[in-house]
Amino acid sequence: MKTKKVAVFLANGFEEIEAITPIDLLQRAGITVDTVSITENNLVESARKVRVLADKVIKEINFSEYDMLILPGGPGFKNYFDSQSLLDKIVEFSKDVENKKVAAICAAPTVLSSLGILDGKKAICFPACEEDLLKGNPILTRERVVKDGNIITSRSAGTALDFALEIIGELLNKETAEKISEEIVYK
């Protein structure tokens, strides 16, 4: 079986827990993770001024190599809108419902909603962003993590573990997600 590969996009102002928790757990599960800066600079600064050196910058990646794209939230989510190439690729990527998956947490699901990706799909986001999410046409739920088709959304930093485990279950299997959960003494 081919090793699964994921791109985690980092925008200046990203929420640390929402990025690092999935990166950590996915790597524990044997999934290859590339952190990708959405600018031309590998150095990305988080919401709380933690500097992270991304593995790649967006212009260096081949989207077709990835099984999933992950968008962390945080106050920097608005910076995703400054990268038209990223937005275009997310739309294209999400259309391959059999082979490609997209995950977003906190405020980032509003990006997917603005692109029409969540139209008619169940989704969730950070409570303060629900009005923006509903500018699209999603079906708002109150769950911690929501999977609908090839899209996974989640609420906030407080749901980052659930978000990461759902991604592992989706990319690999539920047994691996449960094993990782037990290893970190989560459940």
C-alpha atoms as a PDB file:
ATOM      1  CA  MET A   1       0.000   0.000   0.000  1.00  0.00           C
ATOM      2  CA  LYS A   2       1.293   3.447  -0.962  1.00  0.00           C
ATOM      3  CA  THR A   3       2.206   5.709   1.959  1.00  0.00           C
ATOM      4  CA  LYS A   4      -0.357   8.479   2.337  1.00  0.00           C
ATOM      5  CA  LYS A   5       0.909  12.025   1.884  1.00  0.00           C
ATOM      6  CA  VAL A   6      -0.577  15.219   3.300  1.00  0.00           C
ATOM      7  CA  ALA A   7       0.152  18.931   2.850  1.00  0.00           C
ATOM      8  CA  VAL A   8      -0.482  21.211   5.841  1.00  0.00           C
ATOM      9  CA  PHE A   9      -0.663  24.823   4.674  1.00  0.00           C
ATOM     10  CA  LEU A  10       0.781  27.433   6.994  1.00  0.00           C
ATOM     11  CA  ALA A  11      -0.241  31.073   6.743  1.00  0.00           C
ATOM     12  CA  ASN A  12       1.238  33.765   8.963  1.00  0.00           C
ATOM     13  CA  GLY A  13      -0.967  33.891  12.055  1.00  0.00           C
ATOM     14  CA  PHE A  14      -1.883  30.175  12.010  1.00  0.00           C
ATOM     15  CA  GLU A  15      -3.101  28.532  15.232  1.00  0.00           C
ATOM     16  CA  GLU A  16      -0.247  26.390  16.556  1.00  0.00           C
ATOM     17  CA  ILE A  17      -2.327  23.609  18.123  1.00  0.00           C
ATOM     18  CA  GLU A  18      -4.455  23.219  14.980  1.00  0.00           C
ATOM     19  CA  ALA A  19      -1.359  22.740  12.827  1.00  0.00           C
ATOM     20  CA  ILE A  20       1.108  20.915  15.057  1.00  0.00           C
ATOM     21  CA  THR A  21      -1.332  18.416  16.605  1.00  0.00           C
ATOM     22  CA  PRO A  22      -2.359  16.936  13.223  1.00  0.00           C
ATOM     23  CA  ILE A  23       1.260  17.016  12.014  1.00  0.00           C
ATOM     24  CA  ASP A  24       2.401  15.097  15.102  1.00  0.00           C
ATOM     25  CA  LEU A  25      -0.359  12.477  15.112  1.00  0.00           C
ATOM     26  CA  LEU A  26      -0.301  11.890  11.356  1.00  0.00           C
ATOM     27  CA  GLN A  27       3.441  11.288  11.470  1.00  0.00           C
ATOM     28  CA  ARG A  28       2.991   8.880  14.390  1.00  0.00           C
ATOM     29  CA  ALA A  29       0.562   6.979  12.146  1.00  0.00           C
ATOM     30  CA  GLY A  30       3.150   6.739   9.357  1.00  0.00           C
ATOM     31  CA  ILE A  31       1.603   9.389   7.108  1.00  0.00           C
ATOM     32  CA  THR A  32       4.064  11.620   5.253  1.00  0.00           C
ATOM     33  CA  VAL A  33       3.414  15.270   6.121  1.00  0.00           C
ATOM     34  CA  ASP A  34       4.782  18.310   4.310  1.00  0.00           C
ATOM     35  CA  THR A  35       4.336  21.709   5.900  1.00  0.00           C
ATOM     36  CA  VAL A  36       3.829  24.271   3.154  1.00  0.00           C
ATOM     37  CA  SER A  37       4.168  28.030   3.465  1.00  0.00           C
ATOM     38  CA  ILE A  38       1.575  29.857   1.384  1.00  0.00           C
ATOM     39  CA  THR A  39       4.107  32.621   0.675  1.00  0.00           C
ATOM     40  CA  GLU A  40       7.518  32.535  -0.998  1.00  0.00           C
ATOM     41  CA  ASN A  41       9.209  32.405   2.418  1.00  0.00           C
ATOM     42  CA  ASN A  42       9.673  29.129   4.334  1.00  0.00           C
ATOM     43  CA  LEU A  43       9.617  30.990   7.654  1.00  0.00           C
ATOM     44  CA  VAL A  44       6.047  31.294   8.954  1.00  0.00           C
ATOM     45  CA  GLU A  45       5.014  33.023  12.175  1.00  0.00           C
ATOM     46  CA  SER A  46       2.119  31.610  14.186  1.00  0.00           C
ATOM     47  CA  ALA A  47      -0.600  33.532  16.008  1.00  0.00           C
ATOM     48  CA  ARG A  48       1.517  33.576  19.163  1.00  0.00           C
ATOM     49  CA  LYS A  49       4.748  34.513  17.374  1.00  0.00           C
ATOM     50  CA  VAL A  50       6.203  30.994  17.237  1.00  0.00           C
ATOM     51  CA  ARG A  51       8.344  30.784  14.121  1.00  0.00           C
ATOM     52  CA  VAL A  52       8.131  27.609  12.078  1.00  0.00           C
ATOM     53  CA  LEU A  53      10.302  26.675   9.118  1.00  0.00           C
ATOM     54  CA  ALA A  54       7.967  25.081   6.563  1.00  0.00           C
ATOM     55  CA  ASP A  55       9.273  22.131   4.560  1.00  0.00           C
ATOM     56  CA  LYS A  56       8.266  23.771   1.285  1.00  0.00           C
ATOM     57  CA  VAL A  57       6.758  26.893  -0.206  1.00  0.00           C
ATOM     58  CA  ILE A  58       3.582  26.646  -2.241  1.00  0.00           C
ATOM     59  CA  LYS A  59       5.216  27.180  -5.640  1.00  0.00           C
ATOM     60  CA  GLU A  60       7.451  24.126  -5.030  1.00  0.00           C
ATOM     61  CA  ILE A  61       4.728  21.546  -4.565  1.00  0.00           C
ATOM     62  CA  ASN A  62       2.897  19.276  -6.950  1.00  0.00           C
ATOM     63  CA  PHE A  63      -0.645  19.021  -5.596  1.00  0.00           C
ATOM     64  CA  SER A  64      -1.253  15.712  -7.380  1.00  0.00           C
ATOM     65  CA  GLU A  65       1.276  14.033  -5.044  1.00  0.00           C
ATOM     66  CA  TYR A  66      -0.963  14.602  -2.025  1.00  0.00           C
ATOM     67  CA  ASP A  67      -3.885  12.579  -0.707  1.00  0.00           C
ATOM     68  CA  MET A  68      -5.126  15.371   1.547  1.00  0.00           C
ATOM     69  CA  LEU A  69      -4.785  19.114   2.042  1.00  0.00           C
ATOM     70  CA  ILE A  70      -5.118  20.491   5.586  1.00  0.00           C
ATOM     71  CA  LEU A  71      -5.904  24.108   6.452  1.00  0.00           C
ATOM     72  CA  PRO A  72      -5.303  25.088  10.094  1.00  0.00           C
ATOM     73  CA  GLY A  73      -7.236  28.076  11.376  1.00  0.00           C
ATOM     74  CA  GLY A  74      -6.333  30.907  13.692  1.00  0.00           C
ATOM     75  CA  PRO A  75      -6.389  34.642  13.025  1.00  0.00           C
ATOM     76  CA  GLY A  76      -4.123  34.163  10.014  1.00  0.00           C
ATOM     77  CA  PHE A  77      -6.767  32.175   8.114  1.00  0.00           C
ATOM     78  CA  LYS A  78      -7.589  35.349   6.159  1.00  0.00           C
ATOM     79  CA  ASN A  79      -4.144  35.104   4.566  1.00  0.00           C
ATOM     80  CA  TYR A  80      -5.320  32.051   2.615  1.00  0.00           C
ATOM     81  CA  PHE A  81      -7.386  34.481   0.540  1.00  0.00           C
ATOM     82  CA  ASP A  82      -4.143  36.202  -0.546  1.00  0.00           C
ATOM     83  CA  SER A  83      -3.002  33.053  -2.361  1.00  0.00           C
ATOM     84  CA  GLN A  84      -5.213  32.689  -5.421  1.00  0.00           C
ATOM     85  CA  SER A  85      -3.133  29.745  -6.631  1.00  0.00           C
ATOM     86  CA  LEU A  86      -3.877  27.919  -3.355  1.00  0.00           C
ATOM     87  CA  LEU A  87      -7.591  28.690  -3.575  1.00  0.00           C
ATOM     88  CA  ASP A  88      -7.752  27.472  -7.186  1.00  0.00           C
ATOM     89  CA  LYS A  89      -5.888  24.270  -6.321  1.00  0.00           C
ATOM     90  CA  ILE A  90      -8.135  23.565  -3.308  1.00  0.00           C
ATOM     91  CA  VAL A  91     -11.217  23.790  -5.534  1.00  0.00           C
ATOM     92  CA  GLU A  92      -9.666  21.526  -8.174  1.00  0.00           C
ATOM     93  CA  PHE A  93      -8.400  19.080  -5.524  1.00  0.00           C
ATOM     94  CA  SER A  94     -11.766  18.836  -3.764  1.00  0.00           C
ATOM     95  CA  LYS A  95     -13.528  17.817  -6.983  1.00  0.00           C
ATOM     96  CA  ASP A  96     -11.686  14.467  -7.036  1.00  0.00           C
ATOM     97  CA  VAL A  97     -14.011  13.011  -4.393  1.00  0.00           C
ATOM     98  CA  GLU A  98     -12.782   9.438  -4.831  1.00  0.00           C
ATOM     99  CA  ASN A  99      -9.057  10.088  -4.364  1.00  0.00           C
ATOM    100  CA  LYS A 100      -8.493  13.468  -2.700  1.00  0.00           C
ATOM    101  CA  LYS A 101      -9.567  14.890   0.651  1.00  0.00           C
ATOM    102  CA  VAL A 102      -9.576  18.339   2.232  1.00  0.00           C
ATOM    103  CA  ALA A 103      -9.629  19.109   5.963  1.00  0.00           C
ATOM    104  CA  ALA A 104     -10.036  22.474   7.679  1.00  0.00           C
ATOM    105  CA  ILE A 105     -10.339  23.518  11.313  1.00  0.00           C
ATOM    106  CA  CYS A 106     -11.465  26.572  13.288  1.00  0.00           C
ATOM    107  CA  ALA A 107     -11.896  29.567  10.954  1.00  0.00           C
ATOM    108  CA  ALA A 108     -10.458  27.756   7.908  1.00  0.00           C
ATOM    109  CA  PRO A 109     -13.744  26.011   6.959  1.00  0.00           C
ATOM    110  CA  THR A 110     -15.009  29.491   6.023  1.00  0.00           C
ATOM    111  CA  VAL A 111     -12.427  29.458   3.226  1.00  0.00           C
ATOM    112  CA  LEU A 112     -13.901  26.211   1.892  1.00  0.00           C
ATOM    113  CA  SER A 113     -17.402  27.648   2.215  1.00  0.00           C
ATOM    114  CA  SER A 114     -16.455  30.797   0.289  1.00  0.00           C
ATOM    115  CA  LEU A 115     -15.180  28.568  -2.533  1.00  0.00           C
ATOM    116  CA  GLY A 116     -18.459  26.616  -2.712  1.00  0.00           C
ATOM    117  CA  ILE A 117     -16.786  23.407  -1.546  1.00  0.00           C
ATOM    118  CA  LEU A 118     -19.152  23.014   1.416  1.00  0.00           C
ATOM    119  CA  ASP A 119     -22.364  23.609  -0.543  1.00  0.00           C
ATOM    120  CA  GLY A 120     -24.904  21.042   0.646  1.00  0.00           C
ATOM    121  CA  LYS A 121     -22.367  19.395   2.977  1.00  0.00           C
ATOM    122  CA  LYS A 122     -22.418  19.098   6.750  1.00  0.00           C
ATOM    123  CA  ALA A 123     -19.708  21.284   8.270  1.00  0.00           C
ATOM    124  CA  ILE A 124     -18.580  23.009  11.443  1.00  0.00           C
ATOM    125  CA  CYS A 125     -16.210  25.842  12.334  1.00  0.00           C
ATOM    126  CA  PHE A 126     -15.174  28.086  15.217  1.00  0.00           C
ATOM    127  CA  PRO A 127     -18.390  29.442  16.777  1.00  0.00           C
ATOM    128  CA  ALA A 128     -17.517  33.096  16.102  1.00  0.00           C
ATOM    129  CA  CYS A 129     -17.087  32.274  12.385  1.00  0.00           C
ATOM    130  CA  GLU A 130     -20.439  30.549  11.836  1.00  0.00           C
ATOM    131  CA  GLU A 131     -21.976  33.603  10.169  1.00  0.00           C
ATOM    132  CA  ASP A 132     -19.162  33.641   7.595  1.00  0.00           C
ATOM    133  CA  LEU A 133     -19.446  29.880   7.108  1.00  0.00           C
ATOM    134  CA  LEU A 134     -23.152  30.245   6.370  1.00  0.00           C
ATOM    135  CA  LYS A 135     -22.481  32.788   3.603  1.00  0.00           C
ATOM    136  CA  GLY A 136     -21.908  29.654   1.562  1.00  0.00           C
ATOM    137  CA  ASN A 137     -24.463  26.871   1.574  1.00  0.00           C
ATOM    138  CA  PRO A 138     -23.267  24.299   4.141  1.00  0.00           C
ATOM    139  CA  ILE A 139     -25.397  22.420   6.646  1.00  0.00           C
ATOM    140  CA  LEU A 140     -24.118  23.663  10.016  1.00  0.00           C
ATOM    141  CA  THR A 141     -23.789  20.988  12.705  1.00  0.00           C
ATOM    142  CA  ARG A 142     -22.684  21.135  16.340  1.00  0.00           C
ATOM    143  CA  GLU A 143     -20.268  18.205  16.350  1.00  0.00           C
ATOM    144  CA  ARG A 144     -16.586  18.455  17.276  1.00  0.00           C
ATOM    145  CA  VAL A 145     -15.523  17.027  13.916  1.00  0.00           C
ATOM    146  CA  VAL A 146     -17.635  16.524  10.810  1.00  0.00           C
ATOM    147  CA  LYS A 147     -16.873  14.330   7.810  1.00  0.00           C
ATOM    148  CA  ASP A 148     -19.050  14.693   4.738  1.00  0.00           C
ATOM    149  CA  GLY A 149     -17.815  13.028   1.588  1.00  0.00           C
ATOM    150  CA  ASN A 150     -14.179  13.945   1.067  1.00  0.00           C
ATOM    151  CA  ILE A 151     -14.291  16.961   3.414  1.00  0.00           C
ATOM    152  CA  ILE A 152     -13.476  17.052   7.148  1.00  0.00           C
ATOM    153  CA  THR A 153     -14.122  20.142   9.276  1.00  0.00           C
ATOM    154  CA  SER A 154     -13.638  20.836  12.958  1.00  0.00           C
ATOM    155  CA  ARG A 155     -14.311  23.570  15.509  1.00  0.00           C
ATOM    156  CA  SER A 156     -11.146  24.829  17.180  1.00  0.00           C
ATOM    157  CA  ALA A 157      -7.851  24.220  18.957  1.00  0.00           C
ATOM    158  CA  GLY A 158      -9.843  22.303  21.576  1.00  0.00           C
ATOM    159  CA  THR A 159     -10.896  19.740  18.969  1.00  0.00           C
ATOM    160  CA  ALA A 160      -7.492  19.359  17.281  1.00  0.00           C
ATOM    161  CA  LEU A 161      -6.903  15.848  18.667  1.00  0.00           C
ATOM    162  CA  ASP A 162     -10.304  14.655  17.452  1.00  0.00           C
ATOM    163  CA  PHE A 163      -9.633  16.343  14.094  1.00  0.00           C
ATOM    164  CA  ALA A 164      -6.267  14.608  13.691  1.00  0.00           C
ATOM    165  CA  LEU A 165      -7.656  11.214  14.701  1.00  0.00           C
ATOM    166  CA  GLU A 166     -10.538  11.576  12.231  1.00  0.00           C
ATOM    167  CA  ILE A 167      -8.014  12.328   9.487  1.00  0.00           C
ATOM    168  CA  ILE A 168      -5.994   9.227  10.400  1.00  0.00           C
ATOM    169  CA  GLY A 169      -9.161   7.125  10.355  1.00  0.00           C
ATOM    170  CA  GLU A 170     -10.075   8.509   6.960  1.00  0.00           C
ATOM    171  CA  LEU A 171      -6.646   8.152   5.335  1.00  0.00           C
ATOM    172  CA  LEU A 172      -5.711   4.828   6.927  1.00  0.00           C
ATOM    173  CA  ASN A 173      -8.348   3.156   9.105  1.00  0.00           C
ATOM    174  CA  LYS A 174     -10.184   3.483  12.409  1.00  0.00           C
ATOM    175  CA  GLU A 175      -7.971   0.857  14.060  1.00  0.00           C
ATOM    176  CA  THR A 176      -4.849   2.948  13.480  1.00  0.00           C
ATOM    177  CA  ALA A 177      -6.624   6.044  14.796  1.00  0.00           C
ATOM    178  CA  GLU A 178      -7.652   4.121  17.924  1.00  0.00           C
ATOM    179  CA  LYS A 179      -4.096   2.817  18.381  1.00  0.00           C
ATOM    180  CA  ILE A 180      -2.656   6.345  18.198  1.00  0.00           C
ATOM    181  CA  SER A 181      -5.346   7.573  20.599  1.00  0.00           C
ATOM    182  CA  GLU A 182      -4.346   4.879  23.095  1.00  0.00           C
ATOM    183  CA  GLU A 183      -0.621   5.584  22.645  1.00  0.00           C
ATOM    184  CA  ILE A 184      -1.077   9.228  23.620  1.00  0.00           C
ATOM    185  CA  VAL A 185      -3.484   8.230  26.444  1.00  0.00           C
ATOM    186  CA  TYR A 186      -6.304  10.238  24.898  1.00  0.00           C
ATOM    187  CA  LYS A 187      -9.117   7.676  25.036  1.00  0.00           C
END
